[in-house]
Amino acid sequence: KNFNTKEEFRDFLGSGARAARVSEAVLELREAIVSGDAVRDPVKLRPMLIVAFADLKKYHFAYTVSFPVLAPPTAWAAYAATCTAETAGISRAALRQISQQLRDDAKLAASGAFLVTCSSGAETCKVQELAALLDSSEALS
């Protein structure tokens, strides 16, 4: 949202309008997750709101940026210590192959979220869109 006057910008920030817009974005994020749209289009997992005012005559700019997220009620517990990819069973050759697949498929890399499947002890891994999770769950049903 861009404002034409400094007063409109300040009023938006000072009133509950900014909080309401962030809450609206969070609800949209939740709905995208629940409906499965976020799996089909992972870009929906990272909403961003920018509110700005630009005084072009004086070259003054004011803005605020927010990245709404869903926060769990309790912190997530880690069940295993972090480790290197090789310790987890993914070889350097497999990492190079994953990297090459992401370089070759700009759309997949730009999605920001993807599914990597590796066979145990295999030198190759498969990189897929998150929507592959839907396809595999539908195939199992």
Protein backbone atom coordinates (compact mmCIF):
# COMPACT_ATOMS: atom_id res chain seq x y z
CA LYS A 1 0.00 0.00 0.00
CA ASN A 2 1.38 3.38 -0.94
CA PHE A 3 0.17 6.66 0.58
CA ASN A 4 0.18 10.09 -1.05
CA THR A 5 0.46 12.13 2.14
CA LYS A 6 2.53 11.79 5.26
CA GLU A 7 -0.62 12.20 7.36
CA GLU A 8 -2.36 9.25 5.69
CA PHE A 9 0.77 7.15 6.23
CA ARG A 10 1.01 8.10 9.93
CA ASP A 11 -2.73 7.56 10.46
CA PHE A 12 -2.49 4.09 8.93
CA LEU A 13 0.45 3.18 11.18
CA GLY A 14 -1.05 4.77 14.30
CA SER A 15 -4.54 3.33 13.98
CA GLY A 16 -5.29 -0.36 14.14
CA ALA A 17 -5.30 -0.57 10.33
CA ARG A 18 -1.75 -1.91 10.09
CA ALA A 19 -2.40 -4.63 12.67
CA ALA A 20 -5.66 -5.49 10.91
CA ARG A 21 -3.86 -5.82 7.56
CA VAL A 22 -1.17 -8.06 9.09
CA SER A 23 -3.89 -10.20 10.71
CA GLU A 24 -5.64 -10.45 7.35
CA ALA A 25 -2.40 -11.61 5.71
CA VAL A 26 -1.89 -14.22 8.43
CA LEU A 27 -5.42 -15.55 7.87
CA GLU A 28 -4.72 -15.73 4.12
CA LEU A 29 -1.48 -17.62 4.86
CA ARG A 30 -3.30 -20.08 7.12
CA GLU A 31 -6.03 -20.61 4.52
CA ALA A 32 -3.41 -21.28 1.82
CA ILE A 33 -1.84 -23.93 4.05
CA VAL A 34 -5.11 -25.56 5.10
CA SER A 35 -6.54 -25.61 1.55
CA GLY A 36 -3.32 -27.03 0.07
CA ASP A 37 -2.77 -24.04 -2.22
CA ALA A 38 0.58 -23.40 -0.53
CA VAL A 39 1.75 -26.88 -1.47
CA ARG A 40 0.88 -26.25 -5.11
CA ASP A 41 2.38 -22.73 -5.04
CA PRO A 42 5.01 -22.41 -2.25
CA VAL A 43 5.36 -18.66 -2.87
CA LYS A 44 2.16 -18.33 -0.81
CA LEU A 45 4.17 -19.48 2.22
CA ARG A 46 6.09 -16.21 2.37
CA PRO A 47 3.75 -13.22 2.27
CA MET A 48 5.18 -9.73 2.52
CA LEU A 49 3.45 -6.43 3.24
CA ILE A 50 5.00 -3.08 2.37
CA VAL A 51 3.44 0.22 3.43
CA ALA A 52 5.16 3.28 2.02
CA PHE A 53 5.08 7.05 1.65
CA ALA A 54 7.33 8.86 -0.81
CA ASP A 55 7.74 12.65 -0.89
CA LEU A 56 9.20 12.96 -4.37
CA LYS A 57 9.74 16.71 -4.13
CA LYS A 58 12.00 16.47 -1.06
CA TYR A 59 13.31 12.93 -1.72
CA HIS A 60 11.98 11.69 1.63
CA PHE A 61 10.89 8.08 1.85
CA ALA A 62 9.22 6.26 4.73
CA TYR A 63 8.20 2.63 4.72
CA THR A 64 7.50 -0.35 6.91
CA VAL A 65 7.81 -3.98 5.85
CA SER A 66 6.30 -7.01 7.54
CA PHE A 67 6.58 -10.73 6.93
CA PRO A 68 3.58 -12.38 8.62
CA VAL A 69 4.13 -15.93 9.85
CA LEU A 70 2.20 -18.52 11.78
CA ALA A 71 3.81 -19.15 15.14
CA PRO A 72 3.24 -22.44 16.96
CA PRO A 73 1.80 -22.15 20.48
CA THR A 74 4.88 -23.92 21.85
CA ALA A 75 8.39 -24.04 20.48
CA TRP A 76 9.16 -26.89 18.13
CA ALA A 77 11.23 -29.62 19.71
CA ALA A 78 14.27 -30.99 17.93
CA TYR A 79 14.47 -34.74 18.28
CA ALA A 80 17.92 -35.14 16.80
CA ALA A 81 21.04 -33.05 16.81
CA THR A 82 21.96 -31.29 13.60
CA CYS A 83 24.54 -33.02 11.45
CA THR A 84 26.27 -32.68 8.12
CA ALA A 85 24.66 -33.97 4.95
CA GLU A 86 27.27 -36.71 4.68
CA THR A 87 26.55 -37.84 8.24
CA ALA A 88 22.86 -37.99 7.30
CA GLY A 89 23.73 -40.27 4.37
CA ILE A 90 23.72 -37.76 1.51
CA SER A 91 26.98 -37.89 -0.43
CA ARG A 92 28.79 -34.93 -1.93
CA ALA A 93 27.93 -36.28 -5.38
CA ALA A 94 24.22 -36.25 -4.45
CA LEU A 95 24.54 -32.67 -3.14
CA ARG A 96 26.16 -31.61 -6.41
CA GLN A 97 23.35 -33.29 -8.33
CA ILE A 98 20.67 -31.53 -6.21
CA SER A 99 22.44 -28.21 -6.76
CA GLN A 100 22.58 -28.83 -10.51
CA GLN A 101 18.87 -29.71 -10.66
CA LEU A 102 18.01 -26.45 -8.88
CA ARG A 103 20.23 -24.44 -11.25
CA ASP A 104 18.60 -26.13 -14.25
CA ASP A 105 15.01 -25.58 -13.04
CA ALA A 106 14.64 -21.88 -12.21
CA LYS A 107 10.94 -22.21 -11.38
CA LEU A 108 11.60 -24.94 -8.81
CA ALA A 109 14.48 -23.02 -7.24
CA ALA A 110 12.45 -19.80 -7.10
CA SER A 111 9.59 -21.54 -5.29
CA GLY A 112 11.73 -21.52 -2.14
CA ALA A 113 10.36 -24.86 -0.94
CA PHE A 114 10.78 -28.23 -2.56
CA LEU A 115 10.92 -31.94 -1.78
CA VAL A 116 14.21 -33.85 -1.97
CA THR A 117 14.06 -37.66 -1.91
CA CYS A 118 17.16 -39.81 -1.72
CA SER A 119 17.39 -43.57 -1.63
CA SER A 120 19.50 -45.02 1.13
CA GLY A 121 23.11 -45.15 -0.01
CA ALA A 122 22.21 -43.78 -3.44
CA GLU A 123 24.43 -41.32 -5.24
CA THR A 124 21.45 -39.53 -6.77
CA CYS A 125 18.51 -37.68 -5.29
CA LYS A 126 15.31 -36.41 -6.84
CA VAL A 127 14.18 -32.79 -6.42
CA GLN A 128 10.44 -32.17 -6.88
CA GLU A 129 7.86 -29.48 -6.29
CA LEU A 130 5.95 -29.73 -3.01
CA ALA A 131 2.87 -30.62 -5.04
CA ALA A 132 4.50 -34.05 -5.49
CA LEU A 133 3.43 -34.69 -1.89
CA LEU A 134 -0.19 -34.34 -2.97
CA ASP A 135 0.34 -36.66 -5.92
CA SER A 136 1.93 -39.35 -3.73
CA SER A 137 -0.75 -39.10 -1.04
CA GLU A 138 -3.49 -39.36 -3.69
CA ALA A 139 -1.75 -42.41 -5.19
CA LEU A 140 -1.68 -44.09 -1.76
CA SER A 141 -5.40 -43.47 -1.14
